[in-house]
PDB file of N, CA and C in Angstrom:
ATOM      1  N   UNK A   1       0.835  -1.190   0.000  1.00  0.00           N
ATOM      2  CA  UNK A   1       0.000   0.000   0.000  1.00  0.00           C
ATOM      3  C   UNK A   1       0.879   1.253   0.000  1.00  0.00           C
ATOM      4  N   UNK A   2       1.900   1.274   0.849  1.00  0.00           N
ATOM      5  CA  UNK A   2       2.786   2.443   0.910  1.00  0.00           C
ATOM      6  C   UNK A   2       3.561   2.596  -0.393  1.00  0.00           C
ATOM      7  N   UNK A   3       3.962   1.483  -0.986  1.00  0.00           N
ATOM      8  CA  UNK A   3       4.700   1.535  -2.240  1.00  0.00           C
ATOM      9  C   UNK A   3       3.816   2.101  -3.358  1.00  0.00           C
ATOM     10  N   UNK A   4       2.549   1.732  -3.337  1.00  0.00           N
ATOM     11  CA  UNK A   4       1.613   2.247  -4.336  1.00  0.00           C
ATOM     12  C   UNK A   4       1.459   3.755  -4.203  1.00  0.00           C
ATOM     13  N   UNK A   5       1.350   4.254  -2.974  1.00  0.00           N
ATOM     14  CA  UNK A   5       1.247   5.698  -2.744  1.00  0.00           C
ATOM     15  C   UNK A   5       2.505   6.416  -3.213  1.00  0.00           C
ATOM     16  N   UNK A   6       3.673   5.832  -2.935  1.00  0.00           N
ATOM     17  CA  UNK A   6       4.924   6.441  -3.373  1.00  0.00           C
ATOM     18  C   UNK A   6       4.993   6.500  -4.894  1.00  0.00           C
ATOM     19  N   UNK A   7       4.506   5.459  -5.554  1.00  0.00           N
ATOM     20  CA  UNK A   7       4.513   5.441  -7.019  1.00  0.00           C
ATOM     21  C   UNK A   7       3.595   6.530  -7.565  1.00  0.00           C
ATOM     22  N   UNK A   8       2.441   6.722  -6.916  1.00  0.00           N
ATOM     23  CA  UNK A   8       1.521   7.773  -7.350  1.00  0.00           C
ATOM     24  C   UNK A   8       2.138   9.148  -7.159  1.00  0.00           C
ATOM     25  N   UNK A   9       2.796   9.355  -6.023  1.00  0.00           N
ATOM     26  CA  UNK A   9       3.464  10.638  -5.780  1.00  0.00           C
ATOM     27  C   UNK A   9       4.555  10.887  -6.807  1.00  0.00           C
ATOM     28  N   UNK A  10       5.334   9.852  -7.115  1.00  0.00           N
ATOM     29  CA  UNK A  10       6.401   9.978  -8.108  1.00  0.00           C
ATOM     30  C   UNK A  10       5.853  10.324  -9.477  1.00  0.00           C
ATOM     31  N   UNK A  11       4.721   9.718  -9.826  1.00  0.00           N
ATOM     32  CA  UNK A  11       4.091  10.006 -11.124  1.00  0.00           C
ATOM     33  C   UNK A  11       3.625  11.447 -11.190  1.00  0.00           C
ATOM     34  N   UNK A  12       3.089  11.944 -10.066  1.00  0.00           N
ATOM     35  CA  UNK A  12       2.654  13.350 -10.044  1.00  0.00           C
ATOM     36  C   UNK A  12       3.849  14.280 -10.184  1.00  0.00           C
ATOM     37  N   UNK A  13       4.967  13.946  -9.528  1.00  0.00           N
ATOM     38  CA  UNK A  13       6.162  14.793  -9.620  1.00  0.00           C
ATOM     39  C   UNK A  13       6.780  14.728 -11.000  1.00  0.00           C
ATOM     40  N   UNK A  14       6.651  13.592 -11.672  1.00  0.00           N
ATOM     41  CA  UNK A  14       7.238  13.417 -13.005  1.00  0.00           C
ATOM     42  C   UNK A  14       6.410  14.091 -14.089  1.00  0.00           C
ATOM     43  N   UNK A  15       5.271  14.622 -13.702  1.00  0.00           N
ATOM     44  CA  UNK A  15       4.395  15.301 -14.658  1.00  0.00           C
ATOM     45  C   UNK A  15       5.184  16.374 -15.387  1.00  0.00           C
ATOM     46  N   UNK A  16       5.102  16.398 -16.707  1.00  0.00           N
ATOM     47  CA  UNK A  16       5.887  17.339 -17.516  1.00  0.00           C
ATOM     48  C   UNK A  16       5.263  18.722 -17.623  1.00  0.00           C
ATOM     49  N   UNK A  17       4.280  19.021 -16.794  1.00  0.00           N
ATOM     50  CA  UNK A  17       3.649  20.327 -16.849  1.00  0.00           C
ATOM     51  C   UNK A  17       2.495  20.381 -17.835  1.00  0.00           C
ATOM     52  N   UNK A  18       2.167  19.253 -18.424  1.00  0.00           N
ATOM     53  CA  UNK A  18       1.095  19.230 -19.411  1.00  0.00           C
ATOM     54  C   UNK A  18      -0.284  19.235 -18.759  1.00  0.00           C
ATOM     55  N   UNK A  19      -0.354  19.017 -17.465  1.00  0.00           N
ATOM     56  CA  UNK A  19      -1.646  18.982 -16.795  1.00  0.00           C
ATOM     57  C   UNK A  19      -1.998  20.352 -16.246  1.00  0.00           C
ATOM     58  N   UNK A  20      -3.244  20.728 -16.418  1.00  0.00           N
ATOM     59  CA  UNK A  20      -3.761  21.967 -15.872  1.00  0.00           C
ATOM     60  C   UNK A  20      -4.362  21.671 -14.515  1.00  0.00           C
ATOM     61  N   UNK A  21      -4.215  22.566 -13.584  1.00  0.00           N
ATOM     62  CA  UNK A  21      -4.765  22.353 -12.266  1.00  0.00           C
ATOM     63  C   UNK A  21      -6.190  22.856 -12.225  1.00  0.00           C
ATOM     64  N   UNK A  22      -7.072  22.037 -11.799  1.00  0.00           N
ATOM     65  CA  UNK A  22      -8.484  22.356 -11.709  1.00  0.00           C
ATOM     66  C   UNK A  22      -9.214  21.135 -11.212  1.00  0.00           C
ATOM     67  N   UNK A  23     -10.515  21.225 -11.095  1.00  0.00           N
ATOM     68  CA  UNK A  23     -11.267  20.112 -10.559  1.00  0.00           C
ATOM     69  C   UNK A  23     -11.088  18.815 -11.338  1.00  0.00           C
ATOM     70  N   UNK A  24     -10.918  18.914 -12.641  1.00  0.00           N
ATOM     71  CA  UNK A  24     -10.816  17.700 -13.442  1.00  0.00           C
ATOM     72  C   UNK A  24      -9.375  17.344 -13.788  1.00  0.00           C
ATOM     73  N   UNK A  25      -8.387  18.166 -13.426  1.00  0.00           N
ATOM     74  CA  UNK A  25      -6.996  17.901 -13.789  1.00  0.00           C
ATOM     75  C   UNK A  25      -6.837  17.772 -15.291  1.00  0.00           C
ATOM     76  N   UNK A  26      -7.339  18.735 -16.019  1.00  0.00           N
ATOM     77  CA  UNK A  26      -7.388  18.698 -17.475  1.00  0.00           C
ATOM     78  C   UNK A  26      -5.977  18.681 -18.057  1.00  0.00           C
ATOM     79  N   UNK A  27      -5.777  17.945 -19.115  1.00  0.00           N
ATOM     80  CA  UNK A  27      -4.503  17.849 -19.803  1.00  0.00           C
ATOM     81  C   UNK A  27      -4.414  18.971 -20.843  1.00  0.00           C
ATOM     82  N   UNK A  28      -3.248  19.628 -20.947  1.00  0.00           N
ATOM     83  CA  UNK A  28      -3.046  20.713 -21.916  1.00  0.00           C
ATOM     84  C   UNK A  28      -3.438  20.287 -23.324  1.00  0.00           C
ATOM     85  N   UNK A  29      -3.024  19.098 -23.712  1.00  0.00           N
ATOM     86  CA  UNK A  29      -3.319  18.640 -25.077  1.00  0.00           C
ATOM     87  C   UNK A  29      -4.821  18.546 -25.308  1.00  0.00           C
ATOM     88  N   UNK A  30      -5.559  18.113 -24.301  1.00  0.00           N
ATOM     89  CA  UNK A  30      -7.012  17.997 -24.448  1.00  0.00           C
ATOM     90  C   UNK A  30      -7.672  19.362 -24.540  1.00  0.00           C
ATOM     91  N   UNK A  31      -7.257  20.292 -23.709  1.00  0.00           N
ATOM     92  CA  UNK A  31      -7.896  21.610 -23.704  1.00  0.00           C
ATOM     93  C   UNK A  31      -7.544  22.386 -24.973  1.00  0.00           C
ATOM     94  N   UNK A  32      -6.311  22.247 -25.458  1.00  0.00           N
ATOM     95  CA  UNK A  32      -5.920  22.966 -26.676  1.00  0.00           C
ATOM     96  C   UNK A  32      -6.756  22.514 -27.862  1.00  0.00           C
ATOM     97  N   UNK A  33      -7.194  21.256 -27.862  1.00  0.00           N
ATOM     98  CA  UNK A  33      -8.025  20.751 -28.948  1.00  0.00           C
ATOM     99  C   UNK A  33      -9.411  21.401 -28.932  1.00  0.00           C
ATOM    100  N   UNK A  34      -9.845  21.871 -27.776  1.00  0.00           N
ATOM    101  CA  UNK A  34     -11.156  22.496 -27.642  1.00  0.00           C
ATOM    102  C   UNK A  34     -11.141  23.991 -27.936  1.00  0.00           C
ATOM    103  N   UNK A  35      -9.976  24.608 -27.871  1.00  0.00           N
ATOM    104  CA  UNK A  35      -9.877  26.060 -28.023  1.00  0.00           C
ATOM    105  C   UNK A  35     -10.057  26.500 -29.472  1.00  0.00           C
ATOM    106  N   UNK A  36     -10.682  27.664 -29.666  1.00  0.00           N
ATOM    107  CA  UNK A  36     -10.799  28.193 -31.031  1.00  0.00           C
ATOM    108  C   UNK A  36      -9.438  28.679 -31.521  1.00  0.00           C
ATOM    109  N   UNK A  37      -9.218  28.585 -32.808  1.00  0.00           N
ATOM    110  CA  UNK A  37      -8.002  29.119 -33.423  1.00  0.00           C
ATOM    111  C   UNK A  37      -8.359  30.389 -34.163  1.00  0.00           C
ATOM    112  N   UNK A  38      -7.485  31.357 -34.076  1.00  0.00           N
ATOM    113  CA  UNK A  38      -7.695  32.624 -34.769  1.00  0.00           C
ATOM    114  C   UNK A  38      -7.109  32.513 -36.175  1.00  0.00           C
ATOM    115  N   UNK A  39      -7.871  32.969 -37.166  1.00  0.00           N
ATOM    116  CA  UNK A  39      -7.419  32.949 -38.552  1.00  0.00           C
ATOM    117  C   UNK A  39      -7.396  34.368 -39.093  1.00  0.00           C
ATOM    118  N   UNK A  40      -6.648  34.571 -40.171  1.00  0.00           N
ATOM    119  CA  UNK A  40      -6.576  35.889 -40.796  1.00  0.00           C
ATOM    120  C   UNK A  40      -7.987  36.374 -41.110  1.00  0.00           C
ATOM    121  N   UNK A  41      -8.269  37.600 -40.748  1.00  0.00           N
ATOM    122  CA  UNK A  41      -9.561  38.186 -41.023  1.00  0.00           C
ATOM    123  C   UNK A  41     -10.592  37.987 -39.924  1.00  0.00           C
ATOM    124  N   UNK A  42     -10.295  37.148 -38.935  1.00  0.00           N
ATOM    125  CA  UNK A  42     -11.226  36.936 -37.818  1.00  0.00           C
ATOM    126  C   UNK A  42     -11.305  38.185 -36.955  1.00  0.00           C
ATOM    127  N   UNK A  43     -12.466  38.408 -36.389  1.00  0.00           N
ATOM    128  CA  UNK A  43     -12.666  39.511 -35.463  1.00  0.00           C
ATOM    129  C   UNK A  43     -11.989  39.168 -34.139  1.00  0.00           C
ATOM    130  N   UNK A  44     -11.068  40.011 -33.688  1.00  0.00           N
ATOM    131  CA  UNK A  44     -10.295  39.738 -32.477  1.00  0.00           C
ATOM    132  C   UNK A  44     -11.194  39.640 -31.244  1.00  0.00           C
ATOM    133  N   UNK A  45     -12.192  40.489 -31.151  1.00  0.00           N
ATOM    134  CA  UNK A  45     -13.076  40.467 -29.988  1.00  0.00           C
ATOM    135  C   UNK A  45     -13.863  39.158 -29.912  1.00  0.00           C
ATOM    136  N   UNK A  46     -14.394  38.728 -31.040  1.00  0.00           N
ATOM    137  CA  UNK A  46     -15.134  37.462 -31.090  1.00  0.00           C
ATOM    138  C   UNK A  46     -14.226  36.300 -30.724  1.00  0.00           C
ATOM    139  N   UNK A  47     -13.002  36.305 -31.270  1.00  0.00           N
ATOM    140  CA  UNK A  47     -12.044  35.250 -30.949  1.00  0.00           C
ATOM    141  C   UNK A  47     -11.748  35.214 -29.450  1.00  0.00           C
ATOM    142  N   UNK A  48     -11.430  36.369 -28.863  1.00  0.00           N
ATOM    143  CA  UNK A  48     -11.082  36.401 -27.443  1.00  0.00           C
ATOM    144  C   UNK A  48     -12.250  36.001 -26.549  1.00  0.00           C
ATOM    145  N   UNK A  49     -13.451  36.423 -26.896  1.00  0.00           N
ATOM    146  CA  UNK A  49     -14.620  36.026 -26.111  1.00  0.00           C
ATOM    147  C   UNK A  49     -14.842  34.519 -26.178  1.00  0.00           C
ATOM    148  N   UNK A  50     -14.666  33.931 -27.341  1.00  0.00           N
ATOM    149  CA  UNK A  50     -14.807  32.475 -27.498  1.00  0.00           C
ATOM    150  C   UNK A  50     -13.714  31.737 -26.739  1.00  0.00           C
ATOM    151  N   UNK A  51     -12.489  32.246 -26.830  1.00  0.00           N
ATOM    152  CA  UNK A  51     -11.343  31.670 -26.125  1.00  0.00           C
ATOM    153  C   UNK A  51     -11.597  31.661 -24.616  1.00  0.00           C
ATOM    154  N   UNK A  52     -12.013  32.804 -24.088  1.00  0.00           N
ATOM    155  CA  UNK A  52     -12.256  32.921 -22.652  1.00  0.00           C
ATOM    156  C   UNK A  52     -13.416  32.029 -22.202  1.00  0.00           C
ATOM    157  N   UNK A  53     -14.468  32.001 -22.984  1.00  0.00           N
ATOM    158  CA  UNK A  53     -15.627  31.180 -22.616  1.00  0.00           C
ATOM    159  C   UNK A  53     -15.253  29.704 -22.568  1.00  0.00           C
ATOM    160  N   UNK A  54     -14.492  29.256 -23.539  1.00  0.00           N
ATOM    161  CA  UNK A  54     -14.061  27.857 -23.575  1.00  0.00           C
ATOM    162  C   UNK A  54     -13.239  27.504 -22.333  1.00  0.00           C
ATOM    163  N   UNK A  55     -12.337  28.397 -21.951  1.00  0.00           N
ATOM    164  CA  UNK A  55     -11.511  28.151 -20.763  1.00  0.00           C
ATOM    165  C   UNK A  55     -12.355  28.162 -19.493  1.00  0.00           C
ATOM    166  N   UNK A  56     -13.299  29.076 -19.412  1.00  0.00           N
ATOM    167  CA  UNK A  56     -14.173  29.134 -18.238  1.00  0.00           C
ATOM    168  C   UNK A  56     -15.043  27.891 -18.134  1.00  0.00           C
ATOM    169  N   UNK A  57     -15.601  27.447 -19.250  1.00  0.00           N
ATOM    170  CA  UNK A  57     -16.449  26.259 -19.243  1.00  0.00           C
ATOM    171  C   UNK A  57     -15.695  25.002 -18.828  1.00  0.00           C
ATOM    172  N   UNK A  58     -14.389  24.995 -19.088  1.00  0.00           N
ATOM    173  CA  UNK A  58     -13.563  23.842 -18.738  1.00  0.00           C
ATOM    174  C   UNK A  58     -12.797  24.027 -17.429  1.00  0.00           C
ATOM    175  N   UNK A  59     -13.172  25.067 -16.674  1.00  0.00           N
ATOM    176  CA  UNK A  59     -12.588  25.320 -15.348  1.00  0.00           C
ATOM    177  C   UNK A  59     -11.065  25.418 -15.363  1.00  0.00           C
ATOM    178  N   UNK A  60     -10.521  26.045 -16.404  1.00  0.00           N
ATOM    179  CA  UNK A  60      -9.075  26.246 -16.489  1.00  0.00           C
ATOM    180  C   UNK A  60      -8.719  27.465 -15.655  1.00  0.00           C
ATOM    181  N   UNK A  61      -7.754  27.311 -14.770  1.00  0.00           N
ATOM    182  CA  UNK A  61      -7.335  28.399 -13.903  1.00  0.00           C
ATOM    183  C   UNK A  61      -6.874  29.594 -14.737  1.00  0.00           C
ATOM    184  N   UNK A  62      -7.337  30.775 -14.367  1.00  0.00           N
ATOM    185  CA  UNK A  62      -7.042  31.995 -15.126  1.00  0.00           C
ATOM    186  C   UNK A  62      -5.529  32.274 -15.228  1.00  0.00           C
ATOM    187  N   UNK A  63      -4.766  31.811 -14.283  1.00  0.00           N
ATOM    188  CA  UNK A  63      -3.315  32.033 -14.327  1.00  0.00           C
ATOM    189  C   UNK A  63      -2.655  31.285 -15.493  1.00  0.00           C
ATOM    190  N   UNK A  64      -3.354  30.345 -16.097  1.00  0.00           N
ATOM    191  CA  UNK A  64      -2.805  29.568 -17.212  1.00  0.00           C
ATOM    192  C   UNK A  64      -3.235  30.086 -18.582  1.00  0.00           C
ATOM    193  N   UNK A  65      -4.176  31.005 -18.613  1.00  0.00           N
ATOM    194  CA  UNK A  65      -4.721  31.481 -19.882  1.00  0.00           C
ATOM    195  C   UNK A  65      -3.650  32.084 -20.792  1.00  0.00           C
ATOM    196  N   UNK A  66      -2.730  32.843 -20.222  1.00  0.00           N
ATOM    197  CA  UNK A  66      -1.690  33.496 -21.031  1.00  0.00           C
ATOM    198  C   UNK A  66      -0.783  32.469 -21.710  1.00  0.00           C
ATOM    199  N   UNK A  67      -0.609  31.314 -21.103  1.00  0.00           N
ATOM    200  CA  UNK A  67       0.222  30.260 -21.696  1.00  0.00           C
ATOM    201  C   UNK A  67      -0.470  29.601 -22.878  1.00  0.00           C
ATOM    202  N   UNK A  68      -1.788  29.582 -22.874  1.00  0.00           N
ATOM    203  CA  UNK A  68      -2.536  28.918 -23.938  1.00  0.00           C
ATOM    204  C   UNK A  68      -2.834  29.823 -25.135  1.00  0.00           C
ATOM    205  N   UNK A  69      -2.852  31.115 -24.914  1.00  0.00           N
ATOM    206  CA  UNK A  69      -3.271  32.057 -25.951  1.00  0.00           C
ATOM    207  C   UNK A  69      -2.393  32.081 -27.205  1.00  0.00           C
ATOM    208  N   UNK A  70      -1.069  32.224 -27.103  1.00  0.00           N
ATOM    209  CA  UNK A  70      -0.265  32.400 -28.324  1.00  0.00           C
ATOM    210  C   UNK A  70      -0.427  31.291 -29.352  1.00  0.00           C
ATOM    211  N   UNK A  71      -0.576  30.066 -28.921  1.00  0.00           N
ATOM    212  CA  UNK A  71      -0.700  28.943 -29.866  1.00  0.00           C
ATOM    213  C   UNK A  71      -1.976  29.006 -30.682  1.00  0.00           C
ATOM    214  N   UNK A  72      -2.951  29.788 -30.247  1.00  0.00           N
ATOM    215  CA  UNK A  72      -4.228  29.872 -30.940  1.00  0.00           C
ATOM    216  C   UNK A  72      -4.322  31.112 -31.830  1.00  0.00           C
ATOM    217  N   UNK A  73      -3.331  31.982 -31.798  1.00  0.00           N
ATOM    218  CA  UNK A  73      -3.376  33.252 -32.517  1.00  0.00           C
ATOM    219  C   UNK A  73      -2.913  33.125 -33.963  1.00  0.00           C
ATOM    220  N   UNK A  74      -3.394  34.036 -34.805  1.00  0.00           N
ATOM    221  CA  UNK A  74      -2.967  34.091 -36.206  1.00  0.00           C
ATOM    222  C   UNK A  74      -1.557  34.676 -36.278  1.00  0.00           C
ATOM    223  N   UNK A  75      -0.928  34.526 -37.439  1.00  0.00           N
ATOM    224  CA  UNK A  75       0.420  35.077 -37.631  1.00  0.00           C
ATOM    225  C   UNK A  75       0.458  36.582 -37.413  1.00  0.00           C
ATOM    226  N   UNK A  76      -0.529  37.278 -37.930  1.00  0.00           N
ATOM    227  CA  UNK A  76      -0.583  38.736 -37.803  1.00  0.00           C
ATOM    228  C   UNK A  76      -0.711  39.138 -36.328  1.00  0.00           C
ATOM    229  N   UNK A  77      -1.542  38.429 -35.583  1.00  0.00           N
ATOM    230  CA  UNK A  77      -1.707  38.725 -34.161  1.00  0.00           C
ATOM    231  C   UNK A  77      -0.428  38.390 -33.388  1.00  0.00           C
ATOM    232  N   UNK A  78       0.281  37.343 -33.798  1.00  0.00           N
ATOM    233  CA  UNK A  78       1.531  36.976 -33.130  1.00  0.00           C
ATOM    234  C   UNK A  78       2.622  38.021 -33.315  1.00  0.00           C
ATOM    235  N   UNK A  79       2.605  38.718 -34.446  1.00  0.00           N
ATOM    236  CA  UNK A  79       3.581  39.793 -34.678  1.00  0.00           C
ATOM    237  C   UNK A  79       3.372  40.897 -33.644  1.00  0.00           C
ATOM    238  N   UNK A  80       2.135  41.228 -33.377  1.00  0.00           N
ATOM    239  CA  UNK A  80       1.823  42.248 -32.366  1.00  0.00           C
ATOM    240  C   UNK A  80       2.121  41.714 -30.969  1.00  0.00           C
ATOM    241  N   UNK A  81       1.749  40.464 -30.719  1.00  0.00           N
ATOM    242  CA  UNK A  81       1.994  39.822 -29.418  1.00  0.00           C
ATOM    243  C   UNK A  81       3.485  39.806 -29.085  1.00  0.00           C
ATOM    244  N   UNK A  82       4.317  39.614 -30.101  1.00  0.00           N
ATOM    245  CA  UNK A  82       5.767  39.541 -29.895  1.00  0.00           C
ATOM    246  C   UNK A  82       6.346  40.858 -29.382  1.00  0.00           C
ATOM    247  N   UNK A  83       5.625  41.941 -29.539  1.00  0.00           N
ATOM    248  CA  UNK A  83       6.085  43.249 -29.056  1.00  0.00           C
ATOM    249  C   UNK A  83       5.937  43.394 -27.542  1.00  0.00           C
ATOM    250  N   UNK A  84       5.129  42.525 -26.933  1.00  0.00           N
ATOM    251  CA  UNK A  84       4.946  42.598 -25.481  1.00  0.00           C
ATOM    252  C   UNK A  84       6.212  42.159 -24.761  1.00  0.00           C
ATOM    253  N   UNK A  85       6.425  42.718 -23.596  1.00  0.00           N
ATOM    254  CA  UNK A  85       7.545  42.263 -22.781  1.00  0.00           C
ATOM    255  C   UNK A  85       7.195  40.880 -22.230  1.00  0.00           C
ATOM    256  N   UNK A  86       8.192  40.175 -21.728  1.00  0.00           N
ATOM    257  CA  UNK A  86       7.954  38.854 -21.141  1.00  0.00           C
ATOM    258  C   UNK A  86       6.989  38.973 -19.958  1.00  0.00           C
ATOM    259  N   UNK A  87       7.151  40.008 -19.165  1.00  0.00           N
ATOM    260  CA  UNK A  87       6.275  40.227 -18.011  1.00  0.00           C
ATOM    261  C   UNK A  87       4.826  40.425 -18.475  1.00  0.00           C
ATOM    262  N   UNK A  88       4.636  41.233 -19.514  1.00  0.00           N
ATOM    263  CA  UNK A  88       3.290  41.470 -20.042  1.00  0.00           C
ATOM    264  C   UNK A  88       2.678  40.207 -20.643  1.00  0.00           C
ATOM    265  N   UNK A  89       3.484  39.424 -21.322  1.00  0.00           N
ATOM    266  CA  UNK A  89       2.953  38.226 -21.965  1.00  0.00           C
ATOM    267  C   UNK A  89       2.609  37.117 -20.970  1.00  0.00           C
ATOM    268  N   UNK A  90       3.110  37.208 -19.765  1.00  0.00           N
ATOM    269  CA  UNK A  90       2.773  36.223 -18.731  1.00  0.00           C
ATOM    270  C   UNK A  90       1.443  36.514 -18.049  1.00  0.00           C
ATOM    271  N   UNK A  91       0.940  37.729 -18.214  1.00  0.00           N
ATOM    272  CA  UNK A  91      -0.303  38.138 -17.553  1.00  0.00           C
ATOM    273  C   UNK A  91      -1.397  38.280 -18.611  1.00  0.00           C
ATOM    274  N   UNK A  92      -2.421  37.451 -18.542  1.00  0.00           N
ATOM    275  CA  UNK A  92      -3.499  37.499 -19.541  1.00  0.00           C
ATOM    276  C   UNK A  92      -4.203  38.846 -19.549  1.00  0.00           C
ATOM    277  N   UNK A  93      -4.298  39.499 -18.412  1.00  0.00           N
ATOM    278  CA  UNK A  93      -5.027  40.758 -18.306  1.00  0.00           C
ATOM    279  C   UNK A  93      -4.263  41.947 -18.889  1.00  0.00           C
ATOM    280  N   UNK A  94      -3.015  41.770 -19.289  1.00  0.00           N
ATOM    281  CA  UNK A  94      -2.209  42.892 -19.807  1.00  0.00           C
ATOM    282  C   UNK A  94      -2.681  43.370 -21.149  1.00  0.00           C
TER     283      UNK A  94
END
């Protein structure tokens, strides 16, 4: 029994950061598949509202939103995003 608990603890520590913390322990790969992708010509406000709603519906902690956003952005939006400082890009509210 103790060995089983130690193995579970070790597995949690070996986690590569792909798991999101929340009630369901959602996996990054799973949540990214649910997120909308921004395409050239898309309305930025509509995209961001959809992005936020999807994260809220899946109980993703708000502190992780900034990490998920860049992968869903269009090339044009990424050019603007790249102008942010590292500190600004870590905070979704910036």
